[in-house]
PDB file of N, CA and C in Angstrom:
ATOM      1  N   UNK A   1     100.374 125.358 119.744  1.00  0.00           N
ATOM      2  CA  UNK A   1     101.226 124.206 119.899  1.00  0.00           C
ATOM      3  C   UNK A   1     100.523 122.982 119.324  1.00  0.00           C
ATOM      4  N   UNK A   2     101.283 122.052 118.795  1.00  0.00           N
ATOM      5  CA  UNK A   2     100.743 120.832 118.218  1.00  0.00           C
ATOM      6  C   UNK A   2     100.681 119.776 119.306  1.00  0.00           C
ATOM      7  N   UNK A   3      99.640 118.972 119.310  1.00  0.00           N
ATOM      8  CA  UNK A   3      99.481 117.934 120.317  1.00  0.00           C
ATOM      9  C   UNK A   3      99.457 116.558 119.671  1.00  0.00           C
ATOM     10  N   UNK A   4     100.000 115.575 120.372  1.00  0.00           N
ATOM     11  CA  UNK A   4      99.962 114.193 119.903  1.00  0.00           C
ATOM     12  C   UNK A   4      98.834 113.493 120.627  1.00  0.00           C
ATOM     13  N   UNK A   5      98.087 112.690 119.904  1.00  0.00           N
ATOM     14  CA  UNK A   5      97.000 111.945 120.503  1.00  0.00           C
ATOM     15  C   UNK A   5      97.577 110.681 121.117  1.00  0.00           C
ATOM     16  N   UNK A   6      97.391 110.519 122.398  1.00  0.00           N
ATOM     17  CA  UNK A   6      97.920 109.350 123.090  1.00  0.00           C
ATOM     18  C   UNK A   6      96.746 108.616 123.702  1.00  0.00           C
ATOM     19  N   UNK A   7      96.540 107.389 123.293  1.00  0.00           N
ATOM     20  CA  UNK A   7      95.400 106.652 123.776  1.00  0.00           C
ATOM     21  C   UNK A   7      94.137 107.119 123.085  1.00  0.00           C
ATOM     22  N   UNK A   8      93.062 107.101 123.788  1.00  0.00           N
ATOM     23  CA  UNK A   8      91.784 107.510 123.211  1.00  0.00           C
ATOM     24  C   UNK A   8      91.366 108.873 123.719  1.00  0.00           C
ATOM     25  N   UNK A   9      91.685 109.920 122.974  1.00  0.00           N
ATOM     26  CA  UNK A   9      91.180 111.242 123.270  1.00  0.00           C
ATOM     27  C   UNK A   9      92.009 112.102 124.203  1.00  0.00           C
ATOM     28  N   UNK A  10      93.083 111.596 124.782  1.00  0.00           N
ATOM     29  CA  UNK A  10      93.906 112.417 125.659  1.00  0.00           C
ATOM     30  C   UNK A  10      94.980 113.113 124.830  1.00  0.00           C
ATOM     31  N   UNK A  11      94.991 114.432 124.838  1.00  0.00           N
ATOM     32  CA  UNK A  11      95.971 115.180 124.063  1.00  0.00           C
ATOM     33  C   UNK A  11      97.184 115.481 124.940  1.00  0.00           C
ATOM     34  N   UNK A  12      98.340 115.040 124.517  1.00  0.00           N
ATOM     35  CA  UNK A  12      99.577 115.244 125.262  1.00  0.00           C
ATOM     36  C   UNK A  12     100.615 115.804 124.296  1.00  0.00           C
ATOM     37  N   UNK A  13     101.224 116.952 124.610  1.00  0.00           N
ATOM     38  CA  UNK A  13     102.253 117.467 123.701  1.00  0.00           C
ATOM     39  C   UNK A  13     103.472 116.550 123.713  1.00  0.00           C
ATOM     40  N   UNK A  14     103.987 116.237 122.546  1.00  0.00           N
ATOM     41  CA  UNK A  14     105.140 115.357 122.434  1.00  0.00           C
ATOM     42  C   UNK A  14     106.223 116.060 121.634  1.00  0.00           C
ATOM     43  N   UNK A  15     107.402 116.147 122.196  1.00  0.00           N
ATOM     44  CA  UNK A  15     108.526 116.733 121.481  1.00  0.00           C
ATOM     45  C   UNK A  15     109.668 115.736 121.452  1.00  0.00           C
ATOM     46  N   UNK A  16     110.525 115.900 120.476  1.00  0.00           N
ATOM     47  CA  UNK A  16     111.721 115.076 120.339  1.00  0.00           C
ATOM     48  C   UNK A  16     112.827 115.990 119.826  1.00  0.00           C
ATOM     49  N   UNK A  17     114.027 115.803 120.344  1.00  0.00           N
ATOM     50  CA  UNK A  17     115.163 116.611 119.904  1.00  0.00           C
ATOM     51  C   UNK A  17     116.131 115.728 119.138  1.00  0.00           C
ATOM     52  N   UNK A  18     116.410 116.105 117.900  1.00  0.00           N
ATOM     53  CA  UNK A  18     117.327 115.358 117.039  1.00  0.00           C
ATOM     54  C   UNK A  18     118.357 116.336 116.491  1.00  0.00           C
ATOM     55  N   UNK A  19     119.608 116.072 116.753  1.00  0.00           N
ATOM     56  CA  UNK A  19     120.718 116.904 116.276  1.00  0.00           C
ATOM     57  C   UNK A  19     120.520 118.382 116.615  1.00  0.00           C
ATOM     58  N   UNK A  20     120.057 118.652 117.821  1.00  0.00           N
ATOM     59  CA  UNK A  20     119.895 120.030 118.276  1.00  0.00           C
ATOM     60  C   UNK A  20     118.609 120.710 117.858  1.00  0.00           C
ATOM     61  N   UNK A  21     117.797 120.073 117.020  1.00  0.00           N
ATOM     62  CA  UNK A  21     116.521 120.643 116.572  1.00  0.00           C
ATOM     63  C   UNK A  21     115.386 120.067 117.428  1.00  0.00           C
ATOM     64  N   UNK A  22     114.577 120.932 118.008  1.00  0.00           N
ATOM     65  CA  UNK A  22     113.414 120.474 118.755  1.00  0.00           C
ATOM     66  C   UNK A  22     112.245 120.364 117.793  1.00  0.00           C
ATOM     67  N   UNK A  23     111.650 119.181 117.740  1.00  0.00           N
ATOM     68  CA  UNK A  23     110.545 118.921 116.826  1.00  0.00           C
ATOM     69  C   UNK A  23     109.331 118.433 117.608  1.00  0.00           C
ATOM     70  N   UNK A  24     108.178 118.715 117.071  1.00  0.00           N
ATOM     71  CA  UNK A  24     106.923 118.282 117.673  1.00  0.00           C
ATOM     72  C   UNK A  24     106.325 117.206 116.783  1.00  0.00           C
ATOM     73  N   UNK A  25     105.856 116.115 117.398  1.00  0.00           N
ATOM     74  CA  UNK A  25     105.251 115.059 116.603  1.00  0.00           C
ATOM     75  C   UNK A  25     103.846 114.783 117.091  1.00  0.00           C
ATOM     76  N   UNK A  26     103.051 114.244 116.172  1.00  0.00           N
ATOM     77  CA  UNK A  26     101.682 113.834 116.497  1.00  0.00           C
ATOM     78  C   UNK A  26     101.326 112.639 115.635  1.00  0.00           C
ATOM     79  N   UNK A  27     100.413 111.858 116.118  1.00  0.00           N
ATOM     80  CA  UNK A  27      99.961 110.686 115.370  1.00  0.00           C
ATOM     81  C   UNK A  27      98.935 111.117 114.332  1.00  0.00           C
ATOM     82  N   UNK A  28      99.144 110.675 113.089  1.00  0.00           N
ATOM     83  CA  UNK A  28      98.153 110.918 112.046  1.00  0.00           C
ATOM     84  C   UNK A  28      97.125 109.798 112.016  1.00  0.00           C
ATOM     85  N   UNK A  29      97.608 108.558 112.147  1.00  0.00           N
ATOM     86  CA  UNK A  29      96.686 107.423 112.182  1.00  0.00           C
ATOM     87  C   UNK A  29      97.340 106.240 112.873  1.00  0.00           C
ATOM     88  N   UNK A  30      96.524 105.468 113.557  1.00  0.00           N
ATOM     89  CA  UNK A  30      97.007 104.266 114.216  1.00  0.00           C
ATOM     90  C   UNK A  30      97.008 103.124 113.199  1.00  0.00           C
ATOM     91  N   UNK A  31      97.695 102.018 113.510  1.00  0.00           N
ATOM     92  CA  UNK A  31      97.698 100.881 112.586  1.00  0.00           C
ATOM     93  C   UNK A  31      96.272 100.403 112.322  1.00  0.00           C
ATOM     94  N   UNK A  32      95.997 100.072 111.041  1.00  0.00           N
ATOM     95  CA  UNK A  32      94.634  99.659 110.689  1.00  0.00           C
ATOM     96  C   UNK A  32      94.623  98.906 109.368  1.00  0.00           C
ATOM     97  N   UNK A  33      93.480  98.356 109.068  1.00  0.00           N
ATOM     98  CA  UNK A  33      93.250  97.676 107.807  1.00  0.00           C
ATOM     99  C   UNK A  33      92.555  98.653 106.862  1.00  0.00           C
ATOM    100  N   UNK A  34      93.034  98.733 105.615  1.00  0.00           N
ATOM    101  CA  UNK A  34      92.377  99.547 104.601  1.00  0.00           C
ATOM    102  C   UNK A  34      92.133  98.663 103.378  1.00  0.00           C
ATOM    103  N   UNK A  35      91.505  99.211 102.370  1.00  0.00           N
ATOM    104  CA  UNK A  35      91.274  98.433 101.153  1.00  0.00           C
ATOM    105  C   UNK A  35      92.584  98.115 100.431  1.00  0.00           C
ATOM    106  N   UNK A  36      93.635  98.878 100.747  1.00  0.00           N
ATOM    107  CA  UNK A  36      94.955  98.624 100.165  1.00  0.00           C
ATOM    108  C   UNK A  36      95.779  97.650 100.999  1.00  0.00           C
ATOM    109  N   UNK A  37      95.229  97.148 102.077  1.00  0.00           N
ATOM    110  CA  UNK A  37      95.954  96.232 102.962  1.00  0.00           C
ATOM    111  C   UNK A  37      96.202  96.890 104.309  1.00  0.00           C
ATOM    112  N   UNK A  38      97.103  96.313 105.070  1.00  0.00           N
ATOM    113  CA  UNK A  38      97.415  96.837 106.387  1.00  0.00           C
ATOM    114  C   UNK A  38      98.296  98.079 106.272  1.00  0.00           C
ATOM    115  N   UNK A  39      97.980  99.083 107.079  1.00  0.00           N
ATOM    116  CA  UNK A  39      98.743 100.323 107.125  1.00  0.00           C
ATOM    117  C   UNK A  39      99.250 100.476 108.550  1.00  0.00           C
ATOM    118  N   UNK A  40     100.542 100.784 108.697  1.00  0.00           N
ATOM    119  CA  UNK A  40     101.127 100.943 110.017  1.00  0.00           C
ATOM    120  C   UNK A  40     100.864 102.320 110.602  1.00  0.00           C
ATOM    121  N   UNK A  41     101.423 102.556 111.766  1.00  0.00           N
ATOM    122  CA  UNK A  41     101.316 103.819 112.461  1.00  0.00           C
ATOM    123  C   UNK A  41     101.926 104.927 111.612  1.00  0.00           C
ATOM    124  N   UNK A  42     101.210 106.050 111.477  1.00  0.00           N
ATOM    125  CA  UNK A  42     101.716 107.200 110.718  1.00  0.00           C
ATOM    126  C   UNK A  42     101.888 108.368 111.671  1.00  0.00           C
ATOM    127  N   UNK A  43     103.090 108.983 111.626  1.00  0.00           N
ATOM    128  CA  UNK A  43     103.461 110.080 112.512  1.00  0.00           C
ATOM    129  C   UNK A  43     103.811 111.307 111.682  1.00  0.00           C
ATOM    130  N   UNK A  44     103.387 112.474 112.144  1.00  0.00           N
ATOM    131  CA  UNK A  44     103.752 113.747 111.521  1.00  0.00           C
ATOM    132  C   UNK A  44     104.766 114.437 112.419  1.00  0.00           C
ATOM    133  N   UNK A  45     105.867 114.922 111.822  1.00  0.00           N
ATOM    134  CA  UNK A  45     106.931 115.590 112.577  1.00  0.00           C
ATOM    135  C   UNK A  45     107.197 116.947 111.932  1.00  0.00           C
ATOM    136  N   UNK A  46     107.294 118.003 112.755  1.00  0.00           N
ATOM    137  CA  UNK A  46     107.629 119.339 112.275  1.00  0.00           C
ATOM    138  C   UNK A  46     108.499 120.041 113.298  1.00  0.00           C
ATOM    139  N   UNK A  47     109.337 120.959 112.818  1.00  0.00           N
ATOM    140  CA  UNK A  47     110.122 121.787 113.723  1.00  0.00           C
ATOM    141  C   UNK A  47     109.160 122.733 114.415  1.00  0.00           C
ATOM    142  N   UNK A  48     109.309 122.858 115.726  1.00  0.00           N
ATOM    143  CA  UNK A  48     108.449 123.755 116.491  1.00  0.00           C
ATOM    144  C   UNK A  48     109.012 125.161 116.393  1.00  0.00           C
ATOM    145  N   UNK A  49     108.318 126.017 115.670  1.00  0.00           N
ATOM    146  CA  UNK A  49     108.753 127.385 115.473  1.00  0.00           C
ATOM    147  C   UNK A  49     107.516 128.258 115.399  1.00  0.00           C
ATOM    148  N   UNK A  50     107.333 129.131 116.377  1.00  0.00           N
ATOM    149  CA  UNK A  50     106.139 129.962 116.449  1.00  0.00           C
ATOM    150  C   UNK A  50     105.940 130.786 115.180  1.00  0.00           C
ATOM    151  N   UNK A  51     104.808 130.599 114.533  1.00  0.00           N
ATOM    152  CA  UNK A  51     104.406 131.454 113.429  1.00  0.00           C
ATOM    153  C   UNK A  51     105.026 131.144 112.075  1.00  0.00           C
ATOM    154  N   UNK A  52     105.985 130.236 111.989  1.00  0.00           N
ATOM    155  CA  UNK A  52     106.611 129.940 110.704  1.00  0.00           C
ATOM    156  C   UNK A  52     106.215 128.548 110.231  1.00  0.00           C
ATOM    157  N   UNK A  53     105.846 128.448 108.966  1.00  0.00           N
ATOM    158  CA  UNK A  53     105.497 127.155 108.389  1.00  0.00           C
ATOM    159  C   UNK A  53     106.792 126.426 108.010  1.00  0.00           C
ATOM    160  N   UNK A  54     106.927 125.194 108.442  1.00  0.00           N
ATOM    161  CA  UNK A  54     108.090 124.374 108.119  1.00  0.00           C
ATOM    162  C   UNK A  54     107.631 123.121 107.399  1.00  0.00           C
ATOM    163  N   UNK A  55     108.549 122.498 106.690  1.00  0.00           N
ATOM    164  CA  UNK A  55     108.231 121.298 105.928  1.00  0.00           C
ATOM    165  C   UNK A  55     107.938 120.138 106.876  1.00  0.00           C
ATOM    166  N   UNK A  56     106.821 119.495 106.629  1.00  0.00           N
ATOM    167  CA  UNK A  56     106.360 118.396 107.470  1.00  0.00           C
ATOM    168  C   UNK A  56     106.971 117.077 106.997  1.00  0.00           C
ATOM    169  N   UNK A  57     107.282 116.210 107.951  1.00  0.00           N
ATOM    170  CA  UNK A  57     107.749 114.861 107.666  1.00  0.00           C
ATOM    171  C   UNK A  57     106.657 113.901 108.094  1.00  0.00           C
ATOM    172  N   UNK A  58     106.249 113.014 107.190  1.00  0.00           N
ATOM    173  CA  UNK A  58     105.261 111.991 107.526  1.00  0.00           C
ATOM    174  C   UNK A  58     105.957 110.641 107.465  1.00  0.00           C
ATOM    175  N   UNK A  59     106.030 109.979 108.620  1.00  0.00           N
ATOM    176  CA  UNK A  59     106.703 108.682 108.729  1.00  0.00           C
ATOM    177  C   UNK A  59     105.640 107.607 108.889  1.00  0.00           C
ATOM    178  N   UNK A  60     105.734 106.587 108.053  1.00  0.00           N
ATOM    179  CA  UNK A  60     104.849 105.431 108.214  1.00  0.00           C
ATOM    180  C   UNK A  60     105.687 104.265 108.722  1.00  0.00           C
ATOM    181  N   UNK A  61     105.360 103.822 109.925  1.00  0.00           N
ATOM    182  CA  UNK A  61     106.045 102.672 110.489  1.00  0.00           C
ATOM    183  C   UNK A  61     105.388 101.404 109.969  1.00  0.00           C
ATOM    184  N   UNK A  62     106.135 100.309 109.882  1.00  0.00           N
ATOM    185  CA  UNK A  62     105.555  99.063 109.384  1.00  0.00           C
ATOM    186  C   UNK A  62     104.414  98.583 110.292  1.00  0.00           C
ATOM    187  N   UNK A  63     103.466  97.912 109.672  1.00  0.00           N
ATOM    188  CA  UNK A  63     102.348  97.344 110.419  1.00  0.00           C
ATOM    189  C   UNK A  63     102.867  96.224 111.310  1.00  0.00           C
ATOM    190  N   UNK A  64     102.555  96.287 112.587  1.00  0.00           N
ATOM    191  CA  UNK A  64     102.916  95.206 113.508  1.00  0.00           C
ATOM    192  C   UNK A  64     101.635  94.673 114.124  1.00  0.00           C
ATOM    193  N   UNK A  65     101.591  93.393 114.331  1.00  0.00           N
ATOM    194  CA  UNK A  65     100.381  92.809 114.881  1.00  0.00           C
ATOM    195  C   UNK A  65     100.724  91.829 115.994  1.00  0.00           C
ATOM    196  N   UNK A  66      99.727  91.589 116.827  1.00  0.00           N
ATOM    197  CA  UNK A  66      99.903  90.656 117.931  1.00  0.00           C
ATOM    198  C   UNK A  66      99.721  89.231 117.412  1.00  0.00           C
ATOM    199  N   UNK A  67      99.818  88.251 118.304  1.00  0.00           N
ATOM    200  CA  UNK A  67      99.718  86.850 117.903  1.00  0.00           C
ATOM    201  C   UNK A  67      98.363  86.510 117.298  1.00  0.00           C
ATOM    202  N   UNK A  68      97.317  87.224 117.715  1.00  0.00           N
ATOM    203  CA  UNK A  68      95.992  86.925 117.171  1.00  0.00           C
ATOM    204  C   UNK A  68      95.679  87.729 115.906  1.00  0.00           C
ATOM    205  N   UNK A  69      96.659  88.495 115.402  1.00  0.00           N
ATOM    206  CA  UNK A  69      96.474  89.218 114.149  1.00  0.00           C
ATOM    207  C   UNK A  69      95.974  90.634 114.281  1.00  0.00           C
ATOM    208  N   UNK A  70      95.628  91.063 115.484  1.00  0.00           N
ATOM    209  CA  UNK A  70      95.162  92.433 115.674  1.00  0.00           C
ATOM    210  C   UNK A  70      96.344  93.399 115.680  1.00  0.00           C
ATOM    211  N   UNK A  71      96.131  94.627 115.187  1.00  0.00           N
ATOM    212  CA  UNK A  71      97.241  95.587 115.212  1.00  0.00           C
ATOM    213  C   UNK A  71      97.612  95.941 116.649  1.00  0.00           C
ATOM    214  N   UNK A  72      98.912  96.092 116.879  1.00  0.00           N
ATOM    215  CA  UNK A  72      99.376  96.496 118.202  1.00  0.00           C
ATOM    216  C   UNK A  72      99.102  97.979 118.381  1.00  0.00           C
ATOM    217  N   UNK A  73      98.712  98.348 119.589  1.00  0.00           N
ATOM    218  CA  UNK A  73      98.535  99.769 119.859  1.00  0.00           C
ATOM    219  C   UNK A  73      99.916 100.393 120.031  1.00  0.00           C
ATOM    220  N   UNK A  74      99.980 101.667 120.096  1.00  0.00           N
ATOM    221  CA  UNK A  74     101.262 102.352 120.169  1.00  0.00           C
ATOM    222  C   UNK A  74     101.236 103.342 121.313  1.00  0.00           C
ATOM    223  N   UNK A  75     102.301 103.861 121.824  1.00  0.00           N
ATOM    224  CA  UNK A  75     103.597 103.191 121.793  1.00  0.00           C
ATOM    225  C   UNK A  75     103.639 102.132 122.878  1.00  0.00           C
ATOM    226  N   UNK A  76     103.986 100.930 122.522  1.00  0.00           N
ATOM    227  CA  UNK A  76     104.042  99.842 123.490  1.00  0.00           C
ATOM    228  C   UNK A  76     105.119 100.072 124.528  1.00  0.00           C
ATOM    229  N   UNK A  77     106.264 100.510 124.061  1.00  0.00           N
ATOM    230  CA  UNK A  77     107.388 100.774 124.950  1.00  0.00           C
ATOM    231  C   UNK A  77     107.849 102.202 124.661  1.00  0.00           C
ATOM    232  N   UNK A  78     107.401 103.175 125.452  1.00  0.00           N
ATOM    233  CA  UNK A  78     107.679 104.573 125.118  1.00  0.00           C
ATOM    234  C   UNK A  78     109.158 104.882 124.907  1.00  0.00           C
ATOM    235  N   UNK A  79     110.049 104.342 125.720  1.00  0.00           N
ATOM    236  CA  UNK A  79     111.477 104.652 125.560  1.00  0.00           C
ATOM    237  C   UNK A  79     111.981 104.126 124.223  1.00  0.00           C
ATOM    238  N   UNK A  80     111.637 102.894 123.894  1.00  0.00           N
ATOM    239  CA  UNK A  80     112.070 102.305 122.636  1.00  0.00           C
ATOM    240  C   UNK A  80     111.410 102.996 121.449  1.00  0.00           C
ATOM    241  N   UNK A  81     110.156 103.409 121.615  1.00  0.00           N
ATOM    242  CA  UNK A  81     109.467 104.113 120.533  1.00  0.00           C
ATOM    243  C   UNK A  81     110.172 105.425 120.219  1.00  0.00           C
ATOM    244  N   UNK A  82     110.594 106.140 121.250  1.00  0.00           N
ATOM    245  CA  UNK A  82     111.311 107.401 121.042  1.00  0.00           C
ATOM    246  C   UNK A  82     112.619 107.152 120.290  1.00  0.00           C
ATOM    247  N   UNK A  83     113.313 106.068 120.606  1.00  0.00           N
ATOM    248  CA  UNK A  83     114.553 105.720 119.908  1.00  0.00           C
ATOM    249  C   UNK A  83     114.260 105.421 118.440  1.00  0.00           C
ATOM    250  N   UNK A  84     113.185 104.673 118.172  1.00  0.00           N
ATOM    251  CA  UNK A  84     112.807 104.376 116.785  1.00  0.00           C
ATOM    252  C   UNK A  84     112.421 105.645 116.035  1.00  0.00           C
ATOM    253  N   UNK A  85     111.703 106.539 116.702  1.00  0.00           N
ATOM    254  CA  UNK A  85     111.285 107.787 116.073  1.00  0.00           C
ATOM    255  C   UNK A  85     112.499 108.644 115.720  1.00  0.00           C
ATOM    256  N   UNK A  86     113.438 108.782 116.662  1.00  0.00           N
ATOM    257  CA  UNK A  86     114.649 109.556 116.386  1.00  0.00           C
ATOM    258  C   UNK A  86     115.442 108.942 115.234  1.00  0.00           C
ATOM    259  N   UNK A  87     115.531 107.612 115.194  1.00  0.00           N
ATOM    260  CA  UNK A  87     116.226 106.949 114.095  1.00  0.00           C
ATOM    261  C   UNK A  87     115.553 107.189 112.757  1.00  0.00           C
ATOM    262  N   UNK A  88     114.218 107.180 112.745  1.00  0.00           N
ATOM    263  CA  UNK A  88     113.476 107.424 111.502  1.00  0.00           C
ATOM    264  C   UNK A  88     113.661 108.869 111.038  1.00  0.00           C
ATOM    265  N   UNK A  89     113.721 109.810 111.975  1.00  0.00           N
ATOM    266  CA  UNK A  89     113.932 111.211 111.607  1.00  0.00           C
ATOM    267  C   UNK A  89     115.327 111.389 111.011  1.00  0.00           C
ATOM    268  N   UNK A  90     116.321 110.751 111.620  1.00  0.00           N
ATOM    269  CA  UNK A  90     117.689 110.832 111.069  1.00  0.00           C
ATOM    270  C   UNK A  90     117.753 110.205 109.676  1.00  0.00           C
ATOM    271  N   UNK A  91     117.041 109.100 109.492  1.00  0.00           N
ATOM    272  CA  UNK A  91     116.992 108.440 108.178  1.00  0.00           C
ATOM    273  C   UNK A  91     116.372 109.383 107.145  1.00  0.00           C
ATOM    274  N   UNK A  92     115.315 110.091 107.527  1.00  0.00           N
ATOM    275  CA  UNK A  92     114.672 111.036 106.611  1.00  0.00           C
ATOM    276  C   UNK A  92     115.618 112.176 106.248  1.00  0.00           C
ATOM    277  N   UNK A  93     116.401 112.635 107.214  1.00  0.00           N
ATOM    278  CA  UNK A  93     117.381 113.692 106.931  1.00  0.00           C
ATOM    279  C   UNK A  93     118.429 113.198 105.940  1.00  0.00           C
ATOM    280  N   UNK A  94     118.841 111.942 106.071  1.00  0.00           N
ATOM    281  CA  UNK A  94     119.808 111.369 105.129  1.00  0.00           C
ATOM    282  C   UNK A  94     119.201 111.239 103.735  1.00  0.00           C
ATOM    283  N   UNK A  95     117.877 111.024 103.676  1.00  0.00           N
ATOM    284  CA  UNK A  95     117.194 110.896 102.390  1.00  0.00           C
ATOM    285  C   UNK A  95     116.870 112.244 101.747  1.00  0.00           C
ATOM    286  N   UNK A  96     117.137 113.341 102.462  1.00  0.00           N
ATOM    287  CA  UNK A  96     116.946 114.653 101.848  1.00  0.00           C
ATOM    288  C   UNK A  96     115.933 115.561 102.506  1.00  0.00           C
ATOM    289  N   UNK A  97     115.310 115.141 103.610  1.00  0.00           N
ATOM    290  CA  UNK A  97     114.354 116.016 104.294  1.00  0.00           C
ATOM    291  C   UNK A  97     115.122 117.070 105.080  1.00  0.00           C
ATOM    292  N   UNK A  98     114.838 118.333 104.806  1.00  0.00           N
ATOM    293  CA  UNK A  98     115.431 119.440 105.559  1.00  0.00           C
ATOM    294  C   UNK A  98     114.338 120.009 106.455  1.00  0.00           C
ATOM    295  N   UNK A  99     114.464 119.842 107.775  1.00  0.00           N
ATOM    296  CA  UNK A  99     113.384 120.268 108.675  1.00  0.00           C
ATOM    297  C   UNK A  99     113.127 121.773 108.663  1.00  0.00           C
ATOM    298  N   UNK A 100     114.090 122.563 108.228  1.00  0.00           N
ATOM    299  CA  UNK A 100     113.908 124.010 108.232  1.00  0.00           C
ATOM    300  C   UNK A 100     113.491 124.572 106.885  1.00  0.00           C
ATOM    301  N   UNK A 101     113.271 123.713 105.898  1.00  0.00           N
ATOM    302  CA  UNK A 101     112.834 124.192 104.588  1.00  0.00           C
ATOM    303  C   UNK A 101     111.315 124.299 104.558  1.00  0.00           C
ATOM    304  N   UNK A 102     110.808 124.826 103.462  1.00  0.00           N
ATOM    305  CA  UNK A 102     109.371 124.916 103.258  1.00  0.00           C
ATOM    306  C   UNK A 102     109.015 124.057 102.063  1.00  0.00           C
ATOM    307  N   UNK A 103     107.760 123.689 101.945  1.00  0.00           N
ATOM    308  CA  UNK A 103     107.324 122.921 100.792  1.00  0.00           C
ATOM    309  C   UNK A 103     106.342 121.833 101.169  1.00  0.00           C
ATOM    310  N   UNK A 104     106.141 120.935 100.211  1.00  0.00           N
ATOM    311  CA  UNK A 104     105.189 119.838 100.409  1.00  0.00           C
ATOM    312  C   UNK A 104     105.702 118.882 101.479  1.00  0.00           C
ATOM    313  N   UNK A 105     104.786 118.133 102.109  1.00  0.00           N
ATOM    314  CA  UNK A 105     105.219 117.155 103.107  1.00  0.00           C
ATOM    315  C   UNK A 105     106.147 116.098 102.500  1.00  0.00           C
ATOM    316  N   UNK A 106     107.104 115.662 103.278  1.00  0.00           N
ATOM    317  CA  UNK A 106     108.063 114.634 102.882  1.00  0.00           C
ATOM    318  C   UNK A 106     107.571 113.317 103.464  1.00  0.00           C
ATOM    319  N   UNK A 107     107.193 112.377 102.590  1.00  0.00           N
ATOM    320  CA  UNK A 107     106.679 111.079 103.031  1.00  0.00           C
ATOM    321  C   UNK A 107     107.772 110.029 102.969  1.00  0.00           C
ATOM    322  N   UNK A 108     107.847 109.191 103.994  1.00  0.00           N
ATOM    323  CA  UNK A 108     108.800 108.088 103.973  1.00  0.00           C
ATOM    324  C   UNK A 108     108.266 106.924 104.786  1.00  0.00           C
ATOM    325  N   UNK A 109     108.730 105.735 104.428  1.00  0.00           N
ATOM    326  CA  UNK A 109     108.383 104.524 105.165  1.00  0.00           C
ATOM    327  C   UNK A 109     109.612 104.138 105.968  1.00  0.00           C
ATOM    328  N   UNK A 110     109.448 103.993 107.279  1.00  0.00           N
ATOM    329  CA  UNK A 110     110.562 103.643 108.157  1.00  0.00           C
ATOM    330  C   UNK A 110     111.003 102.205 107.888  1.00  0.00           C
ATOM    331  N   UNK A 111     112.262 101.931 108.178  1.00  0.00           N
ATOM    332  CA  UNK A 111     112.783 100.576 108.020  1.00  0.00           C
ATOM    333  C   UNK A 111     112.012  99.612 108.897  1.00  0.00           C
ATOM    334  N   UNK A 112     111.775  98.417 108.355  1.00  0.00           N
ATOM    335  CA  UNK A 112     111.051  97.408 109.127  1.00  0.00           C
ATOM    336  C   UNK A 112     111.905  96.862 110.255  1.00  0.00           C
ATOM    337  N   UNK A 113     113.196  96.705 110.005  1.00  0.00           N
ATOM    338  CA  UNK A 113     114.095  96.147 111.003  1.00  0.00           C
ATOM    339  C   UNK A 113     115.264  97.106 111.189  1.00  0.00           C
ATOM    340  N   UNK A 114     115.100  98.135 112.028  1.00  0.00           N
ATOM    341  CA  UNK A 114     116.153  99.133 112.162  1.00  0.00           C
ATOM    342  C   UNK A 114     117.421  98.533 112.748  1.00  0.00           C
ATOM    343  N   UNK A 115     118.541  98.949 112.231  1.00  0.00           N
ATOM    344  CA  UNK A 115     119.831  98.491 112.722  1.00  0.00           C
ATOM    345  C   UNK A 115     120.462  99.640 113.483  1.00  0.00           C
ATOM    346  N   UNK A 116     119.937  99.903 114.662  1.00  0.00           N
ATOM    347  CA  UNK A 116     120.359 101.044 115.455  1.00  0.00           C
ATOM    348  C   UNK A 116     121.085 100.551 116.695  1.00  0.00           C
ATOM    349  N   UNK A 117     122.351 100.927 116.883  1.00  0.00           N
ATOM    350  CA  UNK A 117     123.077 100.464 118.060  1.00  0.00           C
ATOM    351  C   UNK A 117     122.518 101.002 119.366  1.00  0.00           C
ATOM    352  N   UNK A 118     121.684 102.046 119.311  1.00  0.00           N
ATOM    353  CA  UNK A 118     121.110 102.614 120.526  1.00  0.00           C
ATOM    354  C   UNK A 118     119.930 101.799 121.048  1.00  0.00           C
ATOM    355  N   UNK A 119     119.435 100.839 120.252  1.00  0.00           N
ATOM    356  CA  UNK A 119     118.295 100.049 120.700  1.00  0.00           C
ATOM    357  C   UNK A 119     118.718  99.146 121.863  1.00  0.00           C
ATOM    358  N   UNK A 120     117.847  98.977 122.850  1.00  0.00           N
ATOM    359  CA  UNK A 120     118.152  98.094 123.969  1.00  0.00           C
ATOM    360  C   UNK A 120     118.334  96.645 123.509  1.00  0.00           C
ATOM    361  N   UNK A 121     119.086  95.881 124.292  1.00  0.00           N
ATOM    362  CA  UNK A 121     119.310  94.471 123.957  1.00  0.00           C
ATOM    363  C   UNK A 121     117.974  93.730 123.920  1.00  0.00           C
ATOM    364  N   UNK A 122     117.825  92.869 122.956  1.00  0.00           N
ATOM    365  CA  UNK A 122     116.619  92.054 122.844  1.00  0.00           C
ATOM    366  C   UNK A 122     115.435  92.768 122.230  1.00  0.00           C
ATOM    367  N   UNK A 123     115.574  94.027 121.831  1.00  0.00           N
ATOM    368  CA  UNK A 123     114.460  94.754 121.221  1.00  0.00           C
ATOM    369  C   UNK A 123     114.456  94.496 119.735  1.00  0.00           C
ATOM    370  N   UNK A 124     113.389  94.035 119.188  1.00  0.00           N
ATOM    371  CA  UNK A 124     113.140  93.825 117.769  1.00  0.00           C
ATOM    372  C   UNK A 124     111.918  93.010 117.580  1.00  0.00           C
TER     373      UNK A 124
END
């Protein structure tokens, strides 16, 4: 089973169900500064299927920072984060990612300002 790193060193399995497909996600990297500039949170998503290799989706969320310029840790609001993750997965499916296909990882950058009616009031 794939595990998502939550916090510092605690491994917690994380699953999300989108359109009837159960997927497992894990963090590839937290927001940070690189020589190319700021990089946001990167998440890997795959269909959970014992023994079969499926096409991986790599989502890069926009870099967000606090008032003092430091990157925000994740997920700040777990319920809202799950909504954003599901929206990003649906966006990737619209862009051509087939979770049940095989092949190279599908990379995408999530929208900076998602227009999702499922988001709670005042979230943005």
